[in-house]
């Protein structure tokens, strides 16, 4: 989100704060370890971003989409940002990827929504760095193909 204009309604600190508030209100969580925390934190940030996109889309009703810049690794090199429609399309595609390959979807969720590095992701999932690189590459290609077939190729 570093390329967004000052005063943007969804600041990084607001995203982290909202995700944190959801985490502490999450009833019945038996925190197992650091890995468990990072997985839930990434999921909460994903939910906050998706809820934000849905609410902005419903307010605008087809108007110009608000740009939400996320991780450079998945965002188009041309635009450097992701529109709300693209974010929603990515979420739907990520749900389909999870049905096909759950661990690849977790890699995307931790790296893209959670902002973890490849090494941190490997540690959190208990797999090697090389496996993360391979699954990250596969997931990006899978998402490009999936989103490209729906006319959303600018996302990945």
Protein backbone atom coordinates (compact mmCIF):
# COMPACT_ATOMS: atom_id res chain seq x y z
CA UNK A 1 0.00 0.00 0.00
CA UNK A 2 3.06 2.26 -0.05
CA UNK A 3 2.17 3.77 -3.44
CA UNK A 4 -1.27 4.95 -2.40
CA UNK A 5 -2.14 8.61 -1.91
CA UNK A 6 -1.89 10.10 1.60
CA UNK A 7 -5.16 9.87 3.49
CA UNK A 8 -6.30 6.74 1.67
CA UNK A 9 -9.17 5.20 3.61
CA UNK A 10 -7.39 1.87 4.09
CA UNK A 11 -3.98 2.58 5.61
CA UNK A 12 -1.59 -0.30 6.39
CA UNK A 13 -1.84 0.44 10.12
CA UNK A 14 -5.65 0.30 9.86
CA UNK A 15 -5.41 -3.05 8.09
CA UNK A 16 -3.13 -4.49 10.77
CA UNK A 17 -5.28 -2.99 13.54
CA UNK A 18 -8.49 -4.44 12.11
CA UNK A 19 -6.87 -7.85 11.63
CA UNK A 20 -5.54 -7.74 15.20
CA UNK A 21 -8.94 -6.78 16.58
CA UNK A 22 -10.47 -9.75 14.78
CA UNK A 23 -7.77 -12.05 16.12
CA UNK A 24 -8.31 -11.06 19.75
CA UNK A 25 -12.09 -11.35 19.36
CA UNK A 26 -11.74 -14.81 17.82
CA UNK A 27 -13.45 -17.01 20.42
CA UNK A 28 -12.29 -20.49 21.13
CA UNK A 29 -8.83 -20.18 19.64
CA UNK A 30 -6.29 -22.35 21.36
CA UNK A 31 -3.06 -20.76 20.14
CA UNK A 32 -0.83 -23.69 19.31
CA UNK A 33 2.31 -21.84 18.23
CA UNK A 34 3.72 -18.97 16.19
CA UNK A 35 2.87 -20.79 12.96
CA UNK A 36 -0.79 -20.94 13.95
CA UNK A 37 -0.78 -17.20 14.73
CA UNK A 38 0.72 -16.24 11.35
CA UNK A 39 -1.76 -18.41 9.45
CA UNK A 40 -4.70 -16.82 11.24
CA UNK A 41 -3.23 -13.31 10.90
CA UNK A 42 -2.83 -13.75 7.13
CA UNK A 43 -6.39 -15.07 6.88
CA UNK A 44 -7.72 -12.12 8.91
CA UNK A 45 -5.88 -9.60 6.70
CA UNK A 46 -7.30 -11.32 3.65
CA UNK A 47 -10.82 -11.07 5.10
CA UNK A 48 -10.36 -7.39 5.97
CA UNK A 49 -9.17 -6.59 2.43
CA UNK A 50 -11.97 -8.59 0.82
CA UNK A 51 -14.61 -7.00 3.06
CA UNK A 52 -13.18 -3.57 2.23
CA UNK A 53 -13.29 -4.33 -1.50
CA UNK A 54 -16.87 -5.61 -1.32
CA UNK A 55 -18.05 -2.57 0.64
CA UNK A 56 -16.27 -0.12 -1.71
CA UNK A 57 -17.67 -1.92 -4.74
CA UNK A 58 -21.21 -1.77 -3.37
CA UNK A 59 -20.83 1.95 -2.63
CA UNK A 60 -19.43 2.77 -6.04
CA UNK A 61 -21.80 0.51 -8.04
CA UNK A 62 -19.73 0.37 -11.17
CA UNK A 63 -17.84 3.64 -10.72
CA UNK A 64 -14.10 3.90 -11.04
CA UNK A 65 -12.52 1.23 -8.86
CA UNK A 66 -10.44 2.38 -5.90
CA UNK A 67 -6.84 1.19 -6.19
CA UNK A 68 -5.50 -1.01 -3.40
CA UNK A 69 -1.78 -1.69 -3.75
CA UNK A 70 -0.59 -4.96 -2.27
CA UNK A 71 2.44 -7.17 -2.83
CA UNK A 72 4.63 -6.33 -5.86
CA UNK A 73 5.22 -10.02 -6.56
CA UNK A 74 1.61 -10.64 -7.60
CA UNK A 75 0.63 -7.19 -8.80
CA UNK A 76 0.96 -6.29 -12.45
CA UNK A 77 4.30 -4.73 -13.34
CA UNK A 78 2.47 -2.15 -15.47
CA UNK A 79 0.06 -0.76 -12.91
CA UNK A 80 1.76 -1.43 -9.57
CA UNK A 81 -1.73 -1.59 -8.04
CA UNK A 82 -4.79 -3.77 -7.88
CA UNK A 83 -8.35 -2.63 -8.34
CA UNK A 84 -11.18 -3.82 -6.13
CA UNK A 85 -12.60 -6.02 -8.88
CA UNK A 86 -9.18 -7.65 -9.29
CA UNK A 87 -8.92 -8.24 -5.54
CA UNK A 88 -12.31 -9.96 -5.49
CA UNK A 89 -11.40 -12.04 -8.54
CA UNK A 90 -8.14 -13.04 -6.84
CA UNK A 91 -10.03 -14.11 -3.73
CA UNK A 92 -12.40 -16.29 -5.76
CA UNK A 93 -9.51 -17.82 -7.69
CA UNK A 94 -7.62 -18.46 -4.45
CA UNK A 95 -10.64 -20.33 -3.11
CA UNK A 96 -10.62 -22.53 -6.23
CA UNK A 97 -6.86 -23.07 -5.88
CA UNK A 98 -7.40 -24.20 -2.27
CA UNK A 99 -9.75 -26.92 -3.51
CA UNK A 100 -7.08 -28.15 -5.92
CA UNK A 101 -3.96 -27.59 -3.78
CA UNK A 102 -4.52 -26.31 -0.26
CA UNK A 103 -0.84 -25.85 0.59
CA UNK A 104 -0.26 -23.68 -2.51
CA UNK A 105 -3.20 -21.54 -1.47
CA UNK A 106 -1.70 -21.20 2.01
CA UNK A 107 1.61 -20.12 0.49
CA UNK A 108 -0.18 -17.38 -1.48
CA UNK A 109 -2.21 -16.32 1.54
CA UNK A 110 0.86 -16.04 3.79
CA UNK A 111 3.04 -14.28 1.23
CA UNK A 112 0.46 -12.08 -0.47
CA UNK A 113 -1.96 -11.21 2.31
CA UNK A 114 0.35 -11.85 5.28
CA UNK A 115 3.42 -10.22 3.72
CA UNK A 116 5.76 -13.03 4.76
CA UNK A 117 8.96 -13.75 2.84
CA UNK A 118 9.63 -17.12 1.22
CA UNK A 119 11.83 -18.11 4.16
CA UNK A 120 9.24 -17.03 6.75
CA UNK A 121 6.51 -18.86 4.83
CA UNK A 122 8.62 -22.02 4.75
CA UNK A 123 9.13 -21.80 8.51
CA UNK A 124 5.44 -21.20 9.19
CA UNK A 125 4.30 -24.11 7.00
CA UNK A 126 7.08 -26.45 8.11
CA UNK A 127 8.40 -26.98 4.58
CA UNK A 128 11.65 -26.13 2.81
CA UNK A 129 12.43 -22.79 1.16
CA UNK A 130 12.75 -24.62 -2.13
CA UNK A 131 9.25 -26.09 -1.79
CA UNK A 132 7.84 -22.62 -1.08
CA UNK A 133 9.58 -21.21 -4.17
CA UNK A 134 8.23 -24.05 -6.29
CA UNK A 135 4.67 -23.72 -4.94
CA UNK A 136 4.76 -19.89 -5.14
CA UNK A 137 5.80 -20.14 -8.80
CA UNK A 138 3.12 -22.75 -9.49
CA UNK A 139 0.42 -20.75 -7.69
CA UNK A 140 1.28 -17.56 -9.59
CA UNK A 141 1.10 -19.39 -12.92
CA UNK A 142 -2.14 -21.10 -11.91
CA UNK A 143 -3.67 -17.79 -10.84
CA UNK A 144 -2.51 -16.02 -14.01
CA UNK A 145 -4.12 -18.72 -16.11
CA UNK A 146 -7.30 -18.74 -14.04
CA UNK A 147 -7.65 -14.97 -13.88
CA UNK A 148 -6.59 -14.49 -17.49
CA UNK A 149 -9.42 -16.72 -18.69
CA UNK A 150 -11.85 -14.40 -16.91
CA UNK A 151 -10.37 -11.21 -18.33
CA UNK A 152 -8.61 -10.37 -15.04
CA UNK A 153 -5.03 -10.89 -16.23
CA UNK A 154 -3.77 -7.64 -14.67
CA UNK A 155 -3.87 -9.19 -11.19
CA UNK A 156 -0.93 -11.57 -11.53
